[in-house]
Amino acid sequence: MRSRRIWAAIAVSAFLPLVLAAGAEAQSEKQAEGPAALPHMEADLSAGLLDSGFRRLYELDFGGARSEFRTYQKMRPDDPLGKAAEAASYLFEQFNEKGVLTSDFFCNDSKFLNGIDGDPAENRNSPFLAANRTARQMAKQQLGASPKNPHLLLVLTMTDGMEADYDTLIEKKQLAGLSMVRQAESEANTLLGVDATLGDANVALGAGNYIIGSLPGYKRAFLWMGGIHGDRQRGIEQMQTAIANGHYLRPFAKILLALAYERERQPGRAKQLLAELATEFPANPLFAKELALVQQPRAGKR
């Protein structure tokens, strides 16, 4: 607030100027105390950048998403979630280019269980690996001082879950990918033990359970002996929880669950989720295309 000064132009007596000056000084001091007594609030300009960045990602505007995430990193350089979000943009972009998040891929056992077409070296995603590694290192370093920090545990769950997907689908290293799945599951369980409301953690749990549970019986038996378990139905339930309680990864959980429903011959449930995604993200043609496919006769029986 602005302070005010009162200047006496004409003095009628020797006493009047003193009264006016005293009154002006008291008013000025009162106004000066006003703003100091109020709490000083600064708008967090970084608030909303992650939300808007993830929205752009789900609209397939990957360059726009990275612009939001990098701006967030400049404003919050100590938060590893900014780097993890950038890593997600690279991986999601590659998934989109290779058609991973489609029924054609998800409902084809040869593709779903063996990874994308092409040589792993040709498909290598160096920007993803670099960003994901940085996010993980930042989170682990900070967890040393705060081992039960749910925000940092979420970053670890995300980075290890994404690397599991990358190892399995891009580099076609199934054992390495399954090992990362188990690591991400451990971190997700730790996170949910600290804060059960963080539904994004259930994406890693649900995807891991569903993918491992979809493997042929002899592979599941081999993994079981190594301590790696999978359950398709449990995976579906965990993805449902991620949709109910998730935030940044909630749309991703919807995509995965819709495609899982198609694999499970439940096109009606897949249709509901795809319709919600197509409405929420009209700029993404993938959702509208998948919705049209699932609405075709016998769409769920691929």
Protein backbone atom coordinates (compact mmCIF):
# COMPACT_ATOMS: atom_id res chain seq x y z
CA MET A 1 0.00 0.00 0.00
CA ARG A 2 1.18 3.57 -0.68
CA SER A 3 2.10 5.90 2.17
CA ARG A 4 0.55 9.38 2.14
CA ARG A 5 2.02 12.70 3.14
CA ILE A 6 -0.01 15.67 4.29
CA TRP A 7 1.49 19.05 3.69
CA ALA A 8 0.13 22.02 5.64
CA ALA A 9 -0.15 24.99 3.27
CA ILE A 10 -1.54 27.54 5.66
CA ALA A 11 -1.10 27.70 9.40
CA VAL A 12 -3.79 29.49 11.39
CA SER A 13 -1.92 29.15 14.64
CA ALA A 14 1.30 27.69 15.92
CA PHE A 15 -0.58 24.69 17.34
CA LEU A 16 -2.48 23.54 14.22
CA PRO A 17 0.56 22.53 12.17
CA LEU A 18 1.74 20.30 14.98
CA VAL A 19 -1.62 18.52 15.14
CA LEU A 20 -1.70 17.98 11.38
CA ALA A 21 1.86 16.70 11.30
CA ALA A 22 1.25 14.28 14.15
CA GLY A 23 -1.91 12.97 12.46
CA ALA A 24 -0.13 12.50 9.14
CA GLU A 25 2.74 10.63 10.77
CA ALA A 26 0.38 8.29 12.64
CA GLN A 27 -1.62 7.54 9.44
CA SER A 28 1.56 6.90 7.49
CA GLU A 29 2.86 4.47 10.12
CA LYS A 30 -0.48 2.62 10.18
CA GLN A 31 -0.45 2.17 6.42
CA ALA A 32 3.17 1.01 6.47
CA GLU A 33 2.33 -1.63 9.08
CA GLY A 34 -0.66 -2.92 7.07
CA PRO A 35 1.09 -4.95 4.37
CA ALA A 36 3.80 -6.15 6.75
CA ALA A 37 1.14 -7.65 8.99
CA LEU A 38 -0.40 -9.65 6.10
CA PRO A 39 1.09 -12.97 4.91
CA HIS A 40 3.23 -12.51 1.82
CA MET A 41 2.01 -14.89 -0.89
CA GLU A 42 3.93 -15.54 -4.08
CA ALA A 43 2.27 -17.44 -6.91
CA ASP A 44 4.06 -20.70 -7.74
CA LEU A 45 4.56 -20.15 -11.43
CA SER A 46 5.64 -23.76 -11.88
CA ALA A 47 2.25 -25.03 -10.71
CA GLY A 48 0.35 -26.55 -13.58
CA LEU A 49 3.33 -27.04 -15.89
CA LEU A 50 3.46 -30.78 -15.25
CA ASP A 51 -0.30 -31.09 -15.73
CA SER A 52 -0.27 -29.14 -18.98
CA GLY A 53 2.81 -31.05 -20.15
CA PHE A 54 1.21 -34.43 -19.58
CA ARG A 55 -1.94 -33.25 -21.30
CA ARG A 56 0.12 -32.31 -24.36
CA LEU A 57 1.78 -35.71 -24.19
CA TYR A 58 -1.58 -37.49 -24.30
CA GLU A 59 -2.56 -35.25 -27.22
CA LEU A 60 0.59 -36.51 -29.03
CA ASP A 61 2.17 -33.04 -28.94
CA PHE A 62 5.49 -34.37 -27.74
CA GLY A 63 7.53 -31.26 -28.55
CA GLY A 64 5.02 -29.10 -26.68
CA ALA A 65 5.07 -31.50 -23.73
CA ARG A 66 8.86 -31.35 -23.51
CA SER A 67 8.76 -27.56 -23.65
CA GLU A 68 6.49 -27.53 -20.58
CA PHE A 69 8.64 -30.10 -18.76
CA ARG A 70 11.89 -28.24 -19.47
CA THR A 71 10.40 -24.98 -18.26
CA TYR A 72 9.39 -26.80 -15.08
CA GLN A 73 12.95 -28.12 -14.70
CA LYS A 74 14.36 -24.59 -14.93
CA MET A 75 11.95 -23.37 -12.26
CA ARG A 76 12.29 -26.47 -10.06
CA PRO A 77 15.79 -27.81 -10.80
CA ASP A 78 15.85 -29.97 -7.66
CA ASP A 79 12.68 -31.89 -8.49
CA PRO A 80 13.47 -35.14 -10.37
CA LEU A 81 9.85 -35.48 -11.51
CA GLY A 82 10.52 -32.87 -14.20
CA LYS A 83 13.22 -35.07 -15.74
CA ALA A 84 11.09 -38.21 -15.33
CA ALA A 85 8.28 -36.47 -17.19
CA GLU A 86 10.68 -35.57 -19.99
CA ALA A 87 11.75 -39.22 -20.18
CA ALA A 88 8.10 -40.24 -20.41
CA SER A 89 7.63 -37.93 -23.40
CA TYR A 90 10.44 -39.66 -25.32
CA LEU A 91 9.18 -43.16 -24.52
CA PHE A 92 5.54 -42.33 -25.25
CA GLU A 93 6.58 -40.77 -28.55
CA GLN A 94 8.42 -43.94 -29.55
CA PHE A 95 5.47 -46.08 -28.51
CA ASN A 96 3.24 -43.92 -30.70
CA GLU A 97 5.59 -44.19 -33.69
CA LYS A 98 5.80 -47.98 -33.34
CA GLY A 99 2.08 -48.48 -32.71
CA VAL A 100 2.61 -50.04 -29.27
CA LEU A 101 -0.49 -48.51 -27.70
CA THR A 102 -2.90 -49.98 -30.24
CA SER A 103 -5.07 -53.08 -30.32
CA ASP A 104 -3.09 -54.28 -33.35
CA PHE A 105 -0.02 -54.55 -31.13
CA PHE A 106 -1.59 -55.35 -27.77
CA CYS A 107 -3.87 -58.09 -29.04
CA ASN A 108 -1.20 -59.79 -31.13
CA ASP A 109 0.73 -62.22 -28.92
CA SER A 110 3.69 -62.28 -31.27
CA LYS A 111 4.13 -58.52 -30.89
CA PHE A 112 2.87 -58.08 -27.35
CA LEU A 113 5.15 -60.74 -25.88
CA ASN A 114 8.18 -60.25 -28.12
CA GLY A 115 8.51 -56.47 -28.59
CA ILE A 116 8.37 -54.09 -31.51
CA ASP A 117 9.57 -54.86 -35.02
CA GLY A 118 13.14 -54.06 -36.05
CA ASP A 119 16.60 -54.47 -34.66
CA PRO A 120 16.98 -53.28 -31.03
CA ALA A 121 20.02 -51.21 -31.95
CA GLU A 122 18.00 -49.33 -34.56
CA ASN A 123 15.23 -48.69 -32.05
CA ARG A 124 17.54 -47.46 -29.29
CA ASN A 125 16.16 -44.32 -27.62
CA SER A 126 19.18 -42.44 -26.24
CA PRO A 127 17.26 -39.29 -25.14
CA PHE A 128 14.90 -41.45 -23.09
CA LEU A 129 17.73 -43.37 -21.46
CA ALA A 130 19.62 -40.19 -20.56
CA ALA A 131 16.60 -38.38 -19.08
CA ASN A 132 15.40 -41.48 -17.21
CA ARG A 133 18.86 -42.10 -15.76
CA THR A 134 19.16 -38.52 -14.55
CA ALA A 135 15.73 -38.61 -12.90
CA ARG A 136 16.55 -41.87 -11.12
CA GLN A 137 19.92 -40.60 -9.88
CA MET A 138 18.38 -37.38 -8.56
CA ALA A 139 15.63 -39.27 -6.74
CA LYS A 140 18.01 -41.80 -5.17
CA GLN A 141 20.38 -39.09 -4.01
CA GLN A 142 17.58 -37.15 -2.32
CA LEU A 143 16.05 -40.29 -0.81
CA GLY A 144 19.23 -40.69 1.22
CA ALA A 145 18.09 -37.80 3.38
CA SER A 146 14.37 -38.60 3.15
CA PRO A 147 13.86 -42.36 2.56
CA LYS A 148 10.08 -42.27 2.98
CA ASN A 149 9.42 -39.25 0.77
CA PRO A 150 6.39 -40.26 -1.36
CA HIS A 151 7.23 -37.80 -4.14
CA LEU A 152 10.71 -39.27 -4.61
CA LEU A 153 9.40 -42.83 -4.35
CA LEU A 154 6.90 -42.01 -7.09
CA VAL A 155 9.73 -40.82 -9.34
CA LEU A 156 11.63 -44.09 -8.76
CA THR A 157 8.51 -46.13 -9.47
CA MET A 158 7.95 -44.23 -12.71
CA THR A 159 11.56 -44.41 -13.92
CA ASP A 160 11.95 -48.12 -13.20
CA GLY A 161 8.53 -48.90 -14.65
CA MET A 162 9.41 -47.03 -17.85
CA GLU A 163 12.77 -48.79 -18.10
CA ALA A 164 11.01 -52.13 -17.70
CA ASP A 165 8.79 -51.26 -20.66
CA TYR A 166 11.80 -50.07 -22.65
CA ASP A 167 13.87 -53.20 -21.94
CA THR A 168 11.00 -55.53 -22.81
CA LEU A 169 9.46 -53.82 -25.83
CA ILE A 170 12.29 -51.80 -27.39
CA GLU A 171 15.49 -53.67 -26.62
CA LYS A 172 13.72 -57.05 -26.37
CA LYS A 173 15.59 -57.99 -23.20
CA GLN A 174 12.80 -59.80 -21.41
CA LEU A 175 14.77 -60.97 -18.38
CA ALA A 176 16.20 -57.49 -17.83
CA GLY A 177 12.74 -56.01 -18.30
CA LEU A 178 11.15 -58.44 -15.85
CA SER A 179 13.88 -57.69 -13.31
CA MET A 180 13.02 -53.98 -13.61
CA VAL A 181 9.32 -54.87 -13.26
CA ARG A 182 10.08 -56.54 -9.93
CA GLN A 183 12.13 -53.53 -8.81
CA ALA A 184 9.36 -51.10 -9.81
CA GLU A 185 6.82 -53.27 -7.99
CA SER A 186 8.91 -53.17 -4.81
CA GLU A 187 9.14 -49.39 -4.97
CA ALA A 188 5.44 -49.05 -5.74
CA ASN A 189 4.53 -51.18 -2.74
CA THR A 190 6.83 -49.09 -0.53
CA LEU A 191 5.22 -45.92 -1.87
CA LEU A 192 1.69 -47.17 -1.29
CA GLY A 193 2.69 -48.17 2.23
CA VAL A 194 3.63 -44.53 2.85
CA ASP A 195 0.67 -42.99 1.00
CA ALA A 196 -2.04 -45.31 -0.30
CA THR A 197 -3.76 -42.46 -2.16
CA LEU A 198 -1.01 -42.09 -4.79
CA GLY A 199 -2.75 -44.12 -7.47
CA ASP A 200 -0.07 -43.53 -10.12
CA ALA A 201 2.02 -46.19 -8.35
CA ASN A 202 -0.54 -48.80 -9.37
CA VAL A 203 0.28 -48.33 -13.06
CA ALA A 204 3.66 -50.07 -12.66
CA LEU A 205 2.08 -52.78 -10.50
CA GLY A 206 -0.83 -53.34 -12.87
CA ALA A 207 1.21 -53.38 -16.05
CA GLY A 208 3.76 -55.75 -14.52
CA ASN A 209 1.17 -58.18 -13.21
CA TYR A 210 -0.78 -58.19 -16.45
CA ILE A 211 2.18 -58.62 -18.79
CA ILE A 212 3.80 -61.37 -16.73
CA GLY A 213 0.43 -63.03 -16.23
CA SER A 214 -0.08 -63.08 -20.02
CA LEU A 215 3.10 -65.07 -20.68
CA PRO A 216 2.84 -68.74 -21.65
CA GLY A 217 2.61 -71.16 -18.73
CA TYR A 218 6.14 -72.53 -19.06
CA LYS A 219 7.61 -69.00 -18.95
CA ARG A 220 5.52 -68.09 -15.91
CA ALA A 221 6.71 -71.26 -14.15
CA PHE A 222 10.32 -70.38 -14.91
CA LEU A 223 9.85 -66.85 -13.60
CA TRP A 224 7.98 -68.11 -10.54
CA MET A 225 11.08 -70.06 -9.51
CA GLY A 226 13.03 -66.81 -9.82
CA GLY A 227 10.58 -64.99 -7.56
CA ILE A 228 8.80 -63.10 -10.35
CA HIS A 229 5.05 -63.55 -10.23
CA GLY A 230 2.23 -62.29 -12.42
CA ASP A 231 -1.55 -62.27 -12.27
CA ARG A 232 -3.65 -60.89 -15.13
CA GLN A 233 -6.76 -60.27 -13.03
CA ARG A 234 -4.75 -58.62 -10.28
CA GLY A 235 -3.12 -56.43 -12.90
CA ILE A 236 -6.51 -55.34 -14.19
CA GLU A 237 -7.64 -54.47 -10.67
CA GLN A 238 -4.50 -52.42 -10.06
CA MET A 239 -5.02 -50.48 -13.29
CA GLN A 240 -8.60 -49.83 -12.21
CA THR A 241 -7.25 -48.39 -8.97
CA ALA A 242 -4.81 -46.23 -10.94
CA ILE A 243 -7.73 -44.83 -12.93
CA ALA A 244 -9.71 -44.12 -9.76
CA ASN A 245 -6.86 -42.50 -7.80
CA GLY A 246 -4.14 -41.62 -10.30
CA HIS A 247 -3.09 -38.22 -11.55
CA TYR A 248 -0.33 -37.82 -14.15
CA LEU A 249 -0.58 -41.45 -15.30
CA ARG A 250 -4.35 -41.82 -15.06
CA PRO A 251 -4.93 -41.53 -18.85
CA PHE A 252 -2.07 -43.97 -19.47
CA ALA A 253 -3.74 -46.46 -17.13
CA LYS A 254 -6.96 -46.03 -19.13
CA ILE A 255 -5.14 -46.79 -22.37
CA LEU A 256 -3.53 -49.92 -20.93
CA LEU A 257 -6.74 -51.16 -19.35
CA ALA A 258 -8.79 -50.58 -22.51
CA LEU A 259 -6.31 -52.64 -24.52
CA ALA A 260 -6.22 -55.31 -21.78
CA TYR A 261 -10.01 -55.54 -21.95
CA GLU A 262 -9.74 -56.12 -25.68
CA ARG A 263 -7.28 -58.95 -25.08
CA GLU A 264 -9.71 -60.36 -22.52
CA ARG A 265 -12.60 -60.29 -25.04
CA GLN A 266 -14.45 -57.57 -23.15
CA PRO A 267 -15.04 -54.96 -25.89
CA GLY A 268 -17.85 -53.26 -23.98
CA ARG A 269 -15.54 -52.23 -21.17
CA ALA A 270 -12.83 -51.24 -23.63
CA LYS A 271 -15.34 -49.09 -25.50
CA GLN A 272 -16.29 -47.14 -22.36
CA LEU A 273 -12.68 -46.26 -21.56
CA LEU A 274 -11.81 -45.36 -25.15
CA ALA A 275 -14.90 -43.14 -25.40
CA GLU A 276 -13.77 -41.29 -22.26
CA LEU A 277 -10.27 -40.84 -23.67
CA ALA A 278 -11.55 -39.66 -27.05
CA THR A 279 -13.74 -37.08 -25.30
CA GLU A 280 -11.01 -35.89 -22.95
CA PHE A 281 -8.33 -35.71 -25.67
CA PRO A 282 -10.06 -34.91 -28.96
CA ALA A 283 -6.73 -33.86 -30.53
CA ASN A 284 -5.45 -37.44 -30.27
CA PRO A 285 -6.66 -39.42 -33.32
CA LEU A 286 -5.47 -42.71 -31.82
CA PHE A 287 -8.30 -42.84 -29.28
CA ALA A 288 -10.98 -42.11 -31.87
CA LYS A 289 -9.50 -44.75 -34.19
CA GLU A 290 -9.38 -47.42 -31.49
CA LEU A 291 -12.92 -46.53 -30.44
CA ALA A 292 -14.14 -46.99 -34.02
CA LEU A 293 -12.39 -50.37 -34.19
CA VAL A 294 -13.86 -51.69 -30.98
CA GLN A 295 -17.35 -50.62 -32.10
CA GLN A 296 -17.13 -52.80 -35.21
CA PRO A 297 -18.90 -56.17 -35.12
CA ARG A 298 -16.83 -58.83 -33.37
CA ALA A 299 -14.23 -56.15 -32.58
CA GLY A 300 -13.14 -57.81 -29.35
CA LYS A 301 -12.48 -61.18 -31.00
CA ARG A 302 -9.15 -60.61 -32.69
